[in-house]
Every structure is written in C-alpha cells, then in structure tokens.
Amino acid sequence: MPEYPAVALAAGAGGHAGLRFVVGPRGDVETIGPSPLVPEMEGPFADEFRGSAEAAVGAWKFEPAVLLRTEEGNDLDGDGKPDYRRATSMELVPVYLDIRFDFEIVHGRGSVRASGAAAP
C-alpha cells in the first residue's frame, strides 16, 4: 500500500488518488497514469498523494493475464451438443486496472484504503 505522505499527515490533510495502470505479459506494471474513472484531486497535497500511490503501484507484481482460446470437442453422448471444450492456444496479454486510493487520518494516524474504481 502507499505510504501516507508525511507532509500531509503533519498538516492533518486527507485526500485521494486514482490510477490506471497496465500490467504487462510478465506481470510487471508497465505504465501508470490517472484513472479516467476517478476525479482528479486538487489541493496542496494532491501531488504527494498521487506520487505515493504511483510509487507503491510501480513496485507491485502480478500473475500475468492469460487469454485462452478453445474449440468445441466431440459429442460423445449423441445429444447434439459438444461434451467438452479443448484449449487450442494460450497467450499472455497485458491488462489495465483502475484503483482509487483514499488517504484518511484515523485516530491521529494515516490510513490508506484501496478500492476498484467505478464509473461515476
């Protein structure tokens, strides 16, 4: 998770950062940018919250996404429908994710929560 920016914590400020990032075929984060699903935060600590979120996400590792192509198998029981599907190829593919990070002060301590970003 991102670290709470010390300067924002000292000022008692909360905020958020929304990121869209691409996970490449090796499971590494390849690009990071603003999420179009989360309104940009404005204010004196917006850059600090976003920078903290980007630093954390940039270090994450994922299992690569797999695109599996299949074809229908034989109709073994004679009901006119294939009884199974067979994999014909597998490809590692890039995917993108949108995450919203909320930075809050709870009982005097910095807390960061992450959630999937949703369209407004």
PDB file of N, CA and C in Angstrom:
ATOM      1  N   MET A   1       0.838  -1.185   0.000  1.00  0.00           N
ATOM      2  CA  MET A   1       0.000   0.000   0.000  1.00  0.00           C
ATOM      3  C   MET A   1       0.884   1.249   0.000  1.00  0.00           C
ATOM      4  N   PRO A   2       0.349   2.340  -0.522  1.00  0.00           N
ATOM      5  CA  PRO A   2       1.111   3.594  -0.498  1.00  0.00           C
ATOM      6  C   PRO A   2       1.378   4.050   0.928  1.00  0.00           C
ATOM      7  N   GLU A   3       2.469   4.784   1.096  1.00  0.00           N
ATOM      8  CA  GLU A   3       2.765   5.407   2.383  1.00  0.00           C
ATOM      9  C   GLU A   3       2.015   6.734   2.451  1.00  0.00           C
ATOM     10  N   TYR A   4       1.546   7.052   3.643  1.00  0.00           N
ATOM     11  CA  TYR A   4       0.877   8.335   3.835  1.00  0.00           C
ATOM     12  C   TYR A   4       1.945   9.420   3.771  1.00  0.00           C
ATOM     13  N   PRO A   5       1.802  10.393   2.904  1.00  0.00           N
ATOM     14  CA  PRO A   5       2.821  11.447   2.813  1.00  0.00           C
ATOM     15  C   PRO A   5       2.970  12.187   4.148  1.00  0.00           C
ATOM     16  N   ALA A   6       4.204  12.251   4.647  1.00  0.00           N
ATOM     17  CA  ALA A   6       4.457  12.847   5.964  1.00  0.00           C
ATOM     18  C   ALA A   6       3.995  14.289   6.036  1.00  0.00           C
ATOM     19  N   VAL A   7       4.203  15.053   4.966  1.00  0.00           N
ATOM     20  CA  VAL A   7       3.818  16.462   4.975  1.00  0.00           C
ATOM     21  C   VAL A   7       2.295  16.611   5.078  1.00  0.00           C
ATOM     22  N   ALA A   8       1.548  15.741   4.432  1.00  0.00           N
ATOM     23  CA  ALA A   8       0.083  15.780   4.504  1.00  0.00           C
ATOM     24  C   ALA A   8      -0.396  15.342   5.886  1.00  0.00           C
ATOM     25  N   LEU A   9       0.249  14.315   6.437  1.00  0.00           N
ATOM     26  CA  LEU A   9      -0.113  13.848   7.772  1.00  0.00           C
ATOM     27  C   LEU A   9       0.126  14.939   8.810  1.00  0.00           C
ATOM     28  N   ALA A  10       1.269  15.601   8.724  1.00  0.00           N
ATOM     29  CA  ALA A  10       1.588  16.671   9.670  1.00  0.00           C
ATOM     30  C   ALA A  10       0.586  17.816   9.578  1.00  0.00           C
ATOM     31  N   ALA A  11       0.043  18.040   8.377  1.00  0.00           N
ATOM     32  CA  ALA A  11      -0.934  19.111   8.185  1.00  0.00           C
ATOM     33  C   ALA A  11      -2.357  18.651   8.491  1.00  0.00           C
ATOM     34  N   GLY A  12      -2.534  17.377   8.782  1.00  0.00           N
ATOM     35  CA  GLY A  12      -3.874  16.846   9.059  1.00  0.00           C
ATOM     36  C   GLY A  12      -4.734  16.746   7.816  1.00  0.00           C
ATOM     37  N   ALA A  13      -4.104  16.594   6.672  1.00  0.00           N
ATOM     38  CA  ALA A  13      -4.835  16.584   5.396  1.00  0.00           C
ATOM     39  C   ALA A  13      -5.083  15.160   4.910  1.00  0.00           C
ATOM     40  N   GLY A  14      -6.256  14.956   4.341  1.00  0.00           N
ATOM     41  CA  GLY A  14      -6.604  13.710   3.680  1.00  0.00           C
ATOM     42  C   GLY A  14      -6.809  13.969   2.204  1.00  0.00           C
ATOM     43  N   GLY A  15      -6.950  12.904   1.456  1.00  0.00           N
ATOM     44  CA  GLY A  15      -7.159  13.064   0.026  1.00  0.00           C
ATOM     45  C   GLY A  15      -7.301  11.730  -0.664  1.00  0.00           C
ATOM     46  N   HIS A  16      -7.148  11.753  -1.971  1.00  0.00           N
ATOM     47  CA  HIS A  16      -7.265  10.520  -2.749  1.00  0.00           C
ATOM     48  C   HIS A  16      -6.398  10.613  -4.010  1.00  0.00           C
ATOM     49  N   ALA A  17      -6.200   9.456  -4.616  1.00  0.00           N
ATOM     50  CA  ALA A  17      -5.509   9.376  -5.900  1.00  0.00           C
ATOM     51  C   ALA A  17      -6.142   8.230  -6.676  1.00  0.00           C
ATOM     52  N   GLY A  18      -6.437   8.473  -7.933  1.00  0.00           N
ATOM     53  CA  GLY A  18      -6.983   7.429  -8.803  1.00  0.00           C
ATOM     54  C   GLY A  18      -5.985   7.118  -9.897  1.00  0.00           C
ATOM     55  N   LEU A  19      -5.633   5.852 -10.037  1.00  0.00           N
ATOM     56  CA  LEU A  19      -4.637   5.461 -11.027  1.00  0.00           C
ATOM     57  C   LEU A  19      -5.191   4.407 -11.974  1.00  0.00           C
ATOM     58  N   ARG A  20      -4.751   4.492 -13.215  1.00  0.00           N
ATOM     59  CA  ARG A  20      -4.946   3.412 -14.187  1.00  0.00           C
ATOM     60  C   ARG A  20      -3.541   2.940 -14.539  1.00  0.00           C
ATOM     61  N   PHE A  21      -3.333   1.630 -14.439  1.00  0.00           N
ATOM     62  CA  PHE A  21      -2.016   1.100 -14.766  1.00  0.00           C
ATOM     63  C   PHE A  21      -2.155  -0.157 -15.596  1.00  0.00           C
ATOM     64  N   VAL A  22      -1.129  -0.411 -16.384  1.00  0.00           N
ATOM     65  CA  VAL A  22      -1.107  -1.566 -17.269  1.00  0.00           C
ATOM     66  C   VAL A  22      -0.167  -2.609 -16.688  1.00  0.00           C
ATOM     67  N   VAL A  23      -0.688  -3.828 -16.558  1.00  0.00           N
ATOM     68  CA  VAL A  23       0.119  -4.969 -16.146  1.00  0.00           C
ATOM     69  C   VAL A  23       0.492  -5.712 -17.422  1.00  0.00           C
ATOM     70  N   GLY A  24       1.777  -5.833 -17.659  1.00  0.00           N
ATOM     71  CA  GLY A  24       2.262  -6.458 -18.883  1.00  0.00           C
ATOM     72  C   GLY A  24       2.239  -7.976 -18.831  1.00  0.00           C
ATOM     73  N   PRO A  25       2.626  -8.609 -19.918  1.00  0.00           N
ATOM     74  CA  PRO A  25       2.577 -10.068 -20.020  1.00  0.00           C
ATOM     75  C   PRO A  25       3.533 -10.809 -19.090  1.00  0.00           C
ATOM     76  N   ARG A  26       4.431 -10.090 -18.444  1.00  0.00           N
ATOM     77  CA  ARG A  26       5.314 -10.725 -17.452  1.00  0.00           C
ATOM     78  C   ARG A  26       4.849 -10.480 -16.023  1.00  0.00           C
ATOM     79  N   GLY A  27       3.754  -9.732 -15.858  1.00  0.00           N
ATOM     80  CA  GLY A  27       3.228  -9.451 -14.530  1.00  0.00           C
ATOM     81  C   GLY A  27       3.761  -8.181 -13.902  1.00  0.00           C
ATOM     82  N   ASP A  28       4.583  -7.422 -14.632  1.00  0.00           N
ATOM     83  CA  ASP A  28       5.121  -6.160 -14.124  1.00  0.00           C
ATOM     84  C   ASP A  28       4.205  -5.002 -14.508  1.00  0.00           C
ATOM     85  N   VAL A  29       4.178  -3.975 -13.675  1.00  0.00           N
ATOM     86  CA  VAL A  29       3.449  -2.756 -14.008  1.00  0.00           C
ATOM     87  C   VAL A  29       4.271  -2.002 -15.051  1.00  0.00           C
ATOM     88  N   GLU A  30       3.682  -1.796 -16.230  1.00  0.00           N
ATOM     89  CA  GLU A  30       4.412  -1.174 -17.341  1.00  0.00           C
ATOM     90  C   GLU A  30       4.175   0.326 -17.457  1.00  0.00           C
ATOM     91  N   THR A  31       2.948   0.768 -17.263  1.00  0.00           N
ATOM     92  CA  THR A  31       2.643   2.200 -17.321  1.00  0.00           C
ATOM     93  C   THR A  31       1.672   2.555 -16.209  1.00  0.00           C
ATOM     94  N   ILE A  32       1.775   3.799 -15.737  1.00  0.00           N
ATOM     95  CA  ILE A  32       0.885   4.308 -14.689  1.00  0.00           C
ATOM     96  C   ILE A  32       0.436   5.692 -15.109  1.00  0.00           C
ATOM     97  N   GLY A  33      -0.865   5.951 -14.982  1.00  0.00           N
ATOM     98  CA  GLY A  33      -1.396   7.271 -15.289  1.00  0.00           C
ATOM     99  C   GLY A  33      -2.649   7.529 -14.481  1.00  0.00           C
ATOM    100  N   PRO A  34      -3.274   8.667 -14.684  1.00  0.00           N
ATOM    101  CA  PRO A  34      -4.511   8.972 -13.955  1.00  0.00           C
ATOM    102  C   PRO A  34      -5.653   8.080 -14.440  1.00  0.00           C
ATOM    103  N   SER A  35      -6.521   7.703 -13.529  1.00  0.00           N
ATOM    104  CA  SER A  35      -7.704   6.924 -13.905  1.00  0.00           C
ATOM    105  C   SER A  35      -8.776   7.869 -14.424  1.00  0.00           C
ATOM    106  N   PRO A  36      -9.360   7.554 -15.577  1.00  0.00           N
ATOM    107  CA  PRO A  36     -10.465   8.385 -16.064  1.00  0.00           C
ATOM    108  C   PRO A  36     -11.748   8.177 -15.258  1.00  0.00           C
ATOM    109  N   LEU A  37     -11.733   7.206 -14.339  1.00  0.00           N
ATOM    110  CA  LEU A  37     -12.915   6.909 -13.528  1.00  0.00           C
ATOM    111  C   LEU A  37     -12.931   7.630 -12.190  1.00  0.00           C
ATOM    112  N   VAL A  38     -11.816   8.259 -11.832  1.00  0.00           N
ATOM    113  CA  VAL A  38     -11.708   8.941 -10.533  1.00  0.00           C
ATOM    114  C   VAL A  38     -11.401  10.409 -10.786  1.00  0.00           C
ATOM    115  N   PRO A  39     -12.218  11.315 -10.250  1.00  0.00           N
ATOM    116  CA  PRO A  39     -11.934  12.739 -10.431  1.00  0.00           C
ATOM    117  C   PRO A  39     -10.562  13.096  -9.848  1.00  0.00           C
ATOM    118  N   GLU A  40      -9.828  13.918 -10.576  1.00  0.00           N
ATOM    119  CA  GLU A  40      -8.517  14.365 -10.097  1.00  0.00           C
ATOM    120  C   GLU A  40      -8.694  15.166  -8.814  1.00  0.00           C
ATOM    121  N   MET A  41      -7.830  14.914  -7.843  1.00  0.00           N
ATOM    122  CA  MET A  41      -7.846  15.687  -6.610  1.00  0.00           C
ATOM    123  C   MET A  41      -7.107  16.993  -6.850  1.00  0.00           C
ATOM    124  N   GLU A  42      -7.647  18.059  -6.315  1.00  0.00           N
ATOM    125  CA  GLU A  42      -6.966  19.352  -6.349  1.00  0.00           C
ATOM    126  C   GLU A  42      -6.613  19.731  -4.922  1.00  0.00           C
ATOM    127  N   GLY A  43      -5.631  20.541  -4.772  1.00  0.00           N
ATOM    128  CA  GLY A  43      -5.266  20.988  -3.440  1.00  0.00           C
ATOM    129  C   GLY A  43      -3.782  20.895  -3.211  1.00  0.00           C
ATOM    130  N   PRO A  44      -3.357  21.356  -2.039  1.00  0.00           N
ATOM    131  CA  PRO A  44      -1.925  21.472  -1.775  1.00  0.00           C
ATOM    132  C   PRO A  44      -1.183  20.142  -1.693  1.00  0.00           C
ATOM    133  N   PHE A  45      -1.852  19.023  -1.444  1.00  0.00           N
ATOM    134  CA  PHE A  45      -1.150  17.749  -1.283  1.00  0.00           C
ATOM    135  C   PHE A  45      -1.495  16.734  -2.370  1.00  0.00           C
ATOM    136  N   ALA A  46      -2.156  17.185  -3.412  1.00  0.00           N
ATOM    137  CA  ALA A  46      -2.557  16.274  -4.494  1.00  0.00           C
ATOM    138  C   ALA A  46      -1.352  15.555  -5.092  1.00  0.00           C
ATOM    139  N   ASP A  47      -0.273  16.272  -5.350  1.00  0.00           N
ATOM    140  CA  ASP A  47       0.922  15.657  -5.941  1.00  0.00           C
ATOM    141  C   ASP A  47       1.550  14.631  -5.007  1.00  0.00           C
ATOM    142  N   GLU A  48       1.535  14.905  -3.709  1.00  0.00           N
ATOM    143  CA  GLU A  48       2.118  13.970  -2.745  1.00  0.00           C
ATOM    144  C   GLU A  48       1.311  12.675  -2.681  1.00  0.00           C
ATOM    145  N   PHE A  49      -0.032  12.787  -2.648  1.00  0.00           N
ATOM    146  CA  PHE A  49      -0.864  11.581  -2.598  1.00  0.00           C
ATOM    147  C   PHE A  49      -0.683  10.757  -3.874  1.00  0.00           C
ATOM    148  N   ARG A  50      -0.704  11.424  -5.006  1.00  0.00           N
ATOM    149  CA  ARG A  50      -0.533  10.709  -6.269  1.00  0.00           C
ATOM    150  C   ARG A  50       0.855  10.079  -6.374  1.00  0.00           C
ATOM    151  N   GLY A  51       1.892  10.817  -5.984  1.00  0.00           N
ATOM    152  CA  GLY A  51       3.249  10.281  -6.032  1.00  0.00           C
ATOM    153  C   GLY A  51       3.422   9.054  -5.152  1.00  0.00           C
ATOM    154  N   SER A  52       2.829   9.081  -3.977  1.00  0.00           N
ATOM    155  CA  SER A  52       2.904   7.942  -3.073  1.00  0.00           C
ATOM    156  C   SER A  52       2.194   6.725  -3.681  1.00  0.00           C
ATOM    157  N   ALA A  53       1.029   6.962  -4.269  1.00  0.00           N
ATOM    158  CA  ALA A  53       0.284   5.866  -4.901  1.00  0.00           C
ATOM    159  C   ALA A  53       1.051   5.290  -6.090  1.00  0.00           C
ATOM    160  N   GLU A  54       1.631   6.159  -6.911  1.00  0.00           N
ATOM    161  CA  GLU A  54       2.392   5.690  -8.077  1.00  0.00           C
ATOM    162  C   GLU A  54       3.623   4.885  -7.651  1.00  0.00           C
ATOM    163  N   ALA A  55       4.310   5.331  -6.603  1.00  0.00           N
ATOM    164  CA  ALA A  55       5.495   4.602  -6.132  1.00  0.00           C
ATOM    165  C   ALA A  55       5.109   3.199  -5.655  1.00  0.00           C
ATOM    166  N   ALA A  56       4.009   3.085  -4.942  1.00  0.00           N
ATOM    167  CA  ALA A  56       3.577   1.770  -4.453  1.00  0.00           C
ATOM    168  C   ALA A  56       3.170   0.857  -5.606  1.00  0.00           C
ATOM    169  N   VAL A  57       2.330   1.360  -6.502  1.00  0.00           N
ATOM    170  CA  VAL A  57       1.845   0.545  -7.623  1.00  0.00           C
ATOM    171  C   VAL A  57       3.000   0.124  -8.531  1.00  0.00           C
ATOM    172  N   GLY A  58       3.961   0.999  -8.728  1.00  0.00           N
ATOM    173  CA  GLY A  58       5.099   0.671  -9.583  1.00  0.00           C
ATOM    174  C   GLY A  58       5.918  -0.500  -9.078  1.00  0.00           C
ATOM    175  N   ALA A  59       5.838  -0.802  -7.799  1.00  0.00           N
ATOM    176  CA  ALA A  59       6.591  -1.917  -7.213  1.00  0.00           C
ATOM    177  C   ALA A  59       5.779  -3.218  -7.164  1.00  0.00           C
ATOM    178  N   TRP A  60       4.492  -3.152  -7.490  1.00  0.00           N
ATOM    179  CA  TRP A  60       3.654  -4.351  -7.408  1.00  0.00           C
ATOM    180  C   TRP A  60       4.001  -5.352  -8.504  1.00  0.00           C
ATOM    181  N   LYS A  61       3.774  -6.629  -8.219  1.00  0.00           N
ATOM    182  CA  LYS A  61       3.932  -7.718  -9.189  1.00  0.00           C
ATOM    183  C   LYS A  61       2.613  -8.496  -9.246  1.00  0.00           C
ATOM    184  N   PHE A  62       2.279  -8.966 -10.434  1.00  0.00           N
ATOM    185  CA  PHE A  62       1.023  -9.675 -10.656  1.00  0.00           C
ATOM    186  C   PHE A  62       1.275 -10.991 -11.378  1.00  0.00           C
ATOM    187  N   GLU A  63       0.313 -11.892 -11.271  1.00  0.00           N
ATOM    188  CA  GLU A  63       0.295 -13.048 -12.157  1.00  0.00           C
ATOM    189  C   GLU A  63      -0.152 -12.532 -13.511  1.00  0.00           C
ATOM    190  N   PRO A  64       0.530 -12.904 -14.579  1.00  0.00           N
ATOM    191  CA  PRO A  64       0.133 -12.403 -15.898  1.00  0.00           C
ATOM    192  C   PRO A  64      -1.279 -12.867 -16.274  1.00  0.00           C
ATOM    193  N   ALA A  65      -1.965 -12.027 -17.036  1.00  0.00           N
ATOM    194  CA  ALA A  65      -3.282 -12.402 -17.558  1.00  0.00           C
ATOM    195  C   ALA A  65      -3.083 -13.355 -18.737  1.00  0.00           C
ATOM    196  N   VAL A  66      -3.973 -14.323 -18.838  1.00  0.00           N
ATOM    197  CA  VAL A  66      -3.864 -15.331 -19.886  1.00  0.00           C
ATOM    198  C   VAL A  66      -5.131 -15.305 -20.737  1.00  0.00           C
ATOM    199  N   LEU A  67      -4.940 -15.238 -22.046  1.00  0.00           N
ATOM    200  CA  LEU A  67      -6.044 -15.369 -22.991  1.00  0.00           C
ATOM    201  C   LEU A  67      -5.994 -16.799 -23.505  1.00  0.00           C
ATOM    202  N   LEU A  68      -7.034 -17.554 -23.188  1.00  0.00           N
ATOM    203  CA  LEU A  68      -7.100 -18.969 -23.560  1.00  0.00           C
ATOM    204  C   LEU A  68      -8.108 -19.124 -24.685  1.00  0.00           C
ATOM    205  N   ARG A  69      -7.674 -19.660 -25.799  1.00  0.00           N
ATOM    206  CA  ARG A  69      -8.576 -19.928 -26.918  1.00  0.00           C
ATOM    207  C   ARG A  69      -8.956 -21.398 -26.874  1.00  0.00           C
ATOM    208  N   THR A  70     -10.232 -21.669 -27.135  1.00  0.00           N
ATOM    209  CA  THR A  70     -10.723 -23.046 -27.068  1.00  0.00           C
ATOM    210  C   THR A  70     -11.537 -23.386 -28.309  1.00  0.00           C
ATOM    211  N   GLU A  71     -11.769 -24.660 -28.475  1.00  0.00           N
ATOM    212  CA  GLU A  71     -12.678 -25.116 -29.525  1.00  0.00           C
ATOM    213  C   GLU A  71     -13.535 -26.224 -28.933  1.00  0.00           C
ATOM    214  N   GLU A  72     -14.715 -26.387 -29.534  1.00  0.00           N
ATOM    215  CA  GLU A  72     -15.624 -27.408 -29.036  1.00  0.00           C
ATOM    216  C   GLU A  72     -15.086 -28.792 -29.348  1.00  0.00           C
ATOM    217  N   GLY A  73     -15.321 -29.700 -28.416  1.00  0.00           N
ATOM    218  CA  GLY A  73     -14.923 -31.091 -28.597  1.00  0.00           C
ATOM    219  C   GLY A  73     -16.041 -31.900 -29.253  1.00  0.00           C
ATOM    220  N   ASN A  74     -15.940 -33.201 -29.141  1.00  0.00           N
ATOM    221  CA  ASN A  74     -16.901 -34.121 -29.762  1.00  0.00           C
ATOM    222  C   ASN A  74     -18.184 -34.243 -28.955  1.00  0.00           C
ATOM    223  N   ASP A  75     -19.221 -34.733 -29.619  1.00  0.00           N
ATOM    224  CA  ASP A  75     -20.495 -35.058 -28.972  1.00  0.00           C
ATOM    225  C   ASP A  75     -20.456 -36.551 -28.650  1.00  0.00           C
ATOM    226  N   LEU A  76     -20.035 -36.870 -27.459  1.00  0.00           N
ATOM    227  CA  LEU A  76     -19.846 -38.271 -27.084  1.00  0.00           C
ATOM    228  C   LEU A  76     -21.145 -38.978 -26.714  1.00  0.00           C
ATOM    229  N   ASP A  77     -22.129 -38.230 -26.220  1.00  0.00           N
ATOM    230  CA  ASP A  77     -23.361 -38.881 -25.777  1.00  0.00           C
ATOM    231  C   ASP A  77     -24.507 -38.763 -26.779  1.00  0.00           C
ATOM    232  N   GLY A  78     -24.249 -38.173 -27.940  1.00  0.00           N
ATOM    233  CA  GLY A  78     -25.243 -38.120 -29.009  1.00  0.00           C
ATOM    234  C   GLY A  78     -26.389 -37.168 -28.785  1.00  0.00           C
ATOM    235  N   ASP A  79     -26.231 -36.176 -27.921  1.00  0.00           N
ATOM    236  CA  ASP A  79     -27.331 -35.232 -27.676  1.00  0.00           C
ATOM    237  C   ASP A  79     -27.267 -34.008 -28.591  1.00  0.00           C
ATOM    238  N   GLY A  80     -26.349 -33.997 -29.536  1.00  0.00           N
ATOM    239  CA  GLY A  80     -26.244 -32.890 -30.479  1.00  0.00           C
ATOM    240  C   GLY A  80     -25.441 -31.712 -29.982  1.00  0.00           C
ATOM    241  N   LYS A  81     -24.838 -31.827 -28.792  1.00  0.00           N
ATOM    242  CA  LYS A  81     -24.036 -30.752 -28.213  1.00  0.00           C
ATOM    243  C   LYS A  81     -22.651 -31.285 -27.876  1.00  0.00           C
ATOM    244  N   PRO A  82     -21.633 -30.459 -28.064  1.00  0.00           N
ATOM    245  CA  PRO A  82     -20.292 -30.923 -27.675  1.00  0.00           C
ATOM    246  C   PRO A  82     -20.243 -31.180 -26.171  1.00  0.00           C
ATOM    247  N   ASP A  83     -19.500 -32.191 -25.781  1.00  0.00           N
ATOM    248  CA  ASP A  83     -19.422 -32.570 -24.368  1.00  0.00           C
ATOM    249  C   ASP A  83     -18.250 -31.937 -23.629  1.00  0.00           C
ATOM    250  N   TYR A  84     -17.386 -31.226 -24.343  1.00  0.00           N
ATOM    251  CA  TYR A  84     -16.249 -30.579 -23.696  1.00  0.00           C
ATOM    252  C   TYR A  84     -15.678 -29.521 -24.634  1.00  0.00           C
ATOM    253  N   ARG A  85     -14.796 -28.712 -24.073  1.00  0.00           N
ATOM    254  CA  ARG A  85     -14.044 -27.738 -24.863  1.00  0.00           C
ATOM    255  C   ARG A  85     -12.569 -28.060 -24.668  1.00  0.00           C
ATOM    256  N   ARG A  86     -11.796 -27.838 -25.695  1.00  0.00           N
ATOM    257  CA  ARG A  86     -10.369 -28.148 -25.648  1.00  0.00           C
ATOM    258  C   ARG A  86      -9.584 -26.859 -25.907  1.00  0.00           C
ATOM    259  N   ALA A  87      -8.546 -26.655 -25.113  1.00  0.00           N
ATOM    260  CA  ALA A  87      -7.686 -25.489 -25.290  1.00  0.00           C
ATOM    261  C   ALA A  87      -6.851 -25.663 -26.554  1.00  0.00           C
ATOM    262  N   THR A  88      -6.826 -24.624 -27.383  1.00  0.00           N
ATOM    263  CA  THR A  88      -6.040 -24.677 -28.612  1.00  0.00           C
ATOM    264  C   THR A  88      -4.827 -23.753 -28.561  1.00  0.00           C
ATOM    265  N   SER A  89      -4.888 -22.709 -27.753  1.00  0.00           N
ATOM    266  CA  SER A  89      -3.730 -21.828 -27.595  1.00  0.00           C
ATOM    267  C   SER A  89      -3.880 -21.005 -26.320  1.00  0.00           C
ATOM    268  N   MET A  90      -2.744 -20.523 -25.849  1.00  0.00           N
ATOM    269  CA  MET A  90      -2.705 -19.712 -24.645  1.00  0.00           C
ATOM    270  C   MET A  90      -1.733 -18.569 -24.905  1.00  0.00           C
ATOM    271  N   GLU A  91      -2.151 -17.348 -24.558  1.00  0.00           N
ATOM    272  CA  GLU A  91      -1.311 -16.177 -24.794  1.00  0.00           C
ATOM    273  C   GLU A  91      -1.320 -15.287 -23.556  1.00  0.00           C
ATOM    274  N   LEU A  92      -0.138 -14.851 -23.117  1.00  0.00           N
ATOM    275  CA  LEU A  92      -0.045 -13.890 -22.031  1.00  0.00           C
ATOM    276  C   LEU A  92      -0.320 -12.509 -22.612  1.00  0.00           C
ATOM    277  N   VAL A  93      -1.228 -11.759 -21.987  1.00  0.00           N
ATOM    278  CA  VAL A  93      -1.654 -10.481 -22.548  1.00  0.00           C
ATOM    279  C   VAL A  93      -1.592  -9.375 -21.491  1.00  0.00           C
ATOM    280  N   PRO A  94      -1.385  -8.123 -21.922  1.00  0.00           N
ATOM    281  CA  PRO A  94      -1.444  -7.001 -20.979  1.00  0.00           C
ATOM    282  C   PRO A  94      -2.899  -6.686 -20.618  1.00  0.00           C
ATOM    283  N   VAL A  95      -3.104  -6.182 -19.417  1.00  0.00           N
ATOM    284  CA  VAL A  95      -4.421  -5.735 -18.964  1.00  0.00           C
ATOM    285  C   VAL A  95      -4.245  -4.419 -18.205  1.00  0.00           C
ATOM    286  N   TYR A  96      -5.325  -3.654 -18.102  1.00  0.00           N
ATOM    287  CA  TYR A  96      -5.232  -2.449 -17.288  1.00  0.00           C
ATOM    288  C   TYR A  96      -6.191  -2.547 -16.116  1.00  0.00           C
ATOM    289  N   LEU A  97      -5.840  -1.856 -15.053  1.00  0.00           N
ATOM    290  CA  LEU A  97      -6.642  -1.821 -13.834  1.00  0.00           C
ATOM    291  C   LEU A  97      -6.787  -0.376 -13.384  1.00  0.00           C
ATOM    292  N   ASP A  98      -7.932  -0.070 -12.793  1.00  0.00           N
ATOM    293  CA  ASP A  98      -8.172   1.242 -12.195  1.00  0.00           C
ATOM    294  C   ASP A  98      -8.348   1.048 -10.695  1.00  0.00           C
ATOM    295  N   ILE A  99      -7.601   1.812  -9.905  1.00  0.00           N
ATOM    296  CA  ILE A  99      -7.703   1.725  -8.444  1.00  0.00           C
ATOM    297  C   ILE A  99      -7.771   3.130  -7.871  1.00  0.00           C
ATOM    298  N   ARG A 100      -8.607   3.270  -6.858  1.00  0.00           N
ATOM    299  CA  ARG A 100      -8.701   4.526  -6.101  1.00  0.00           C
ATOM    300  C   ARG A 100      -8.078   4.288  -4.733  1.00  0.00           C
ATOM    301  N   PHE A 101      -7.182   5.177  -4.342  1.00  0.00           N
ATOM    302  CA  PHE A 101      -6.582   5.144  -3.014  1.00  0.00           C
ATOM    303  C   PHE A 101      -7.138   6.310  -2.217  1.00  0.00           C
ATOM    304  N   ASP A 102      -7.683   6.024  -1.038  1.00  0.00           N
ATOM    305  CA  ASP A 102      -8.186   7.058  -0.138  1.00  0.00           C
ATOM    306  C   ASP A 102      -7.245   7.176   1.048  1.00  0.00           C
ATOM    307  N   PHE A 103      -6.740   8.379   1.262  1.00  0.00           N
ATOM    308  CA  PHE A 103      -5.835   8.691   2.362  1.00  0.00           C
ATOM    309  C   PHE A 103      -6.654   9.414   3.427  1.00  0.00           C
ATOM    310  N   GLU A 104      -6.718   8.817   4.624  1.00  0.00           N
ATOM    311  CA  GLU A 104      -7.512   9.393   5.715  1.00  0.00           C
ATOM    312  C   GLU A 104      -6.693   9.369   6.997  1.00  0.00           C
ATOM    313  N   ILE A 105      -7.017  10.277   7.872  1.00  0.00           N
ATOM    314  CA  ILE A 105      -6.418  10.263   9.204  1.00  0.00           C
ATOM    315  C   ILE A 105      -7.456   9.677  10.153  1.00  0.00           C
ATOM    316  N   VAL A 106      -7.078   8.556  10.770  1.00  0.00           N
ATOM    317  CA  VAL A 106      -7.971   7.843  11.691  1.00  0.00           C
ATOM    318  C   VAL A 106      -7.266   7.732  13.038  1.00  0.00           C
ATOM    319  N   HIS A 107      -7.882   8.297  14.070  1.00  0.00           N
ATOM    320  CA  HIS A 107      -7.301   8.289  15.416  1.00  0.00           C
ATOM    321  C   HIS A 107      -5.867   8.825  15.408  1.00  0.00           C
ATOM    322  N   GLY A 108      -5.657   9.882  14.639  1.00  0.00           N
ATOM    323  CA  GLY A 108      -4.361  10.539  14.596  1.00  0.00           C
ATOM    324  C   GLY A 108      -3.301   9.859  13.745  1.00  0.00           C
ATOM    325  N   ARG A 109      -3.680   8.781  13.083  1.00  0.00           N
ATOM    326  CA  ARG A 109      -2.705   8.059  12.254  1.00  0.00           C
ATOM    327  C   ARG A 109      -3.167   8.042  10.801  1.00  0.00           C
ATOM    328  N   GLY A 110      -2.206   8.051   9.893  1.00  0.00           N
ATOM    329  CA  GLY A 110      -2.525   7.985   8.476  1.00  0.00           C
ATOM    330  C   GLY A 110      -2.976   6.589   8.079  1.00  0.00           C
ATOM    331  N   SER A 111      -4.059   6.519   7.334  1.00  0.00           N
ATOM    332  CA  SER A 111      -4.605   5.246   6.868  1.00  0.00           C
ATOM    333  C   SER A 111      -4.854   5.354   5.361  1.00  0.00           C
ATOM    334  N   VAL A 112      -4.536   4.286   4.639  1.00  0.00           N
ATOM    335  CA  VAL A 112      -4.748   4.270   3.188  1.00  0.00           C
ATOM    336  C   VAL A 112      -5.600   3.060   2.849  1.00  0.00           C
ATOM    337  N   ARG A 113      -6.674   3.301   2.119  1.00  0.00           N
ATOM    338  CA  ARG A 113      -7.547   2.225   1.628  1.00  0.00           C
ATOM    339  C   ARG A 113      -7.534   2.233   0.112  1.00  0.00           C
ATOM    340  N   ALA A 114      -7.634   1.047  -0.469  1.00  0.00           N
ATOM    341  CA  ALA A 114      -7.699   0.935  -1.921  1.00  0.00           C
ATOM    342  C   ALA A 114      -9.015   0.269  -2.306  1.00  0.00           C
ATOM    343  N   SER A 115      -9.572   0.720  -3.426  1.00  0.00           N
ATOM    344  CA  SER A 115     -10.782   0.096  -3.940  1.00  0.00           C
ATOM    345  C   SER A 115     -10.755   0.170  -5.455  1.00  0.00           C
ATOM    346  N   GLY A 116     -11.455  -0.750  -6.084  1.00  0.00           N
ATOM    347  CA  GLY A 116     -11.575  -0.684  -7.528  1.00  0.00           C
ATOM    348  C   GLY A 116     -12.335   0.571  -7.905  1.00  0.00           C
ATOM    349  N   ALA A 117     -11.864   1.273  -8.878  1.00  0.00           N
ATOM    350  CA  ALA A 117     -12.535   2.500  -9.312  1.00  0.00           C
ATOM    351  C   ALA A 117     -13.757   2.125 -10.137  1.00  0.00           C
ATOM    352  N   ALA A 118     -14.816   2.850  -9.942  1.00  0.00           N
ATOM    353  CA  ALA A 118     -16.051   2.604 -10.700  1.00  0.00           C
ATOM    354  C   ALA A 118     -16.442   3.872 -11.429  1.00  0.00           C
ATOM    355  N   ALA A 119     -17.069   3.690 -12.566  1.00  0.00           N
ATOM    356  CA  ALA A 119     -17.526   4.848 -13.328  1.00  0.00           C
ATOM    357  C   ALA A 119     -18.562   5.614 -12.517  1.00  0.00           C
ATOM    358  N   PRO A 120     -18.517   6.961 -12.549  1.00  0.00           N
ATOM    359  CA  PRO A 120     -19.460   7.762 -11.765  1.00  0.00           C
ATOM    360  C   PRO A 120     -20.890   7.604 -12.264  1.00  0.00           C
TER     361      PRO A 120
END
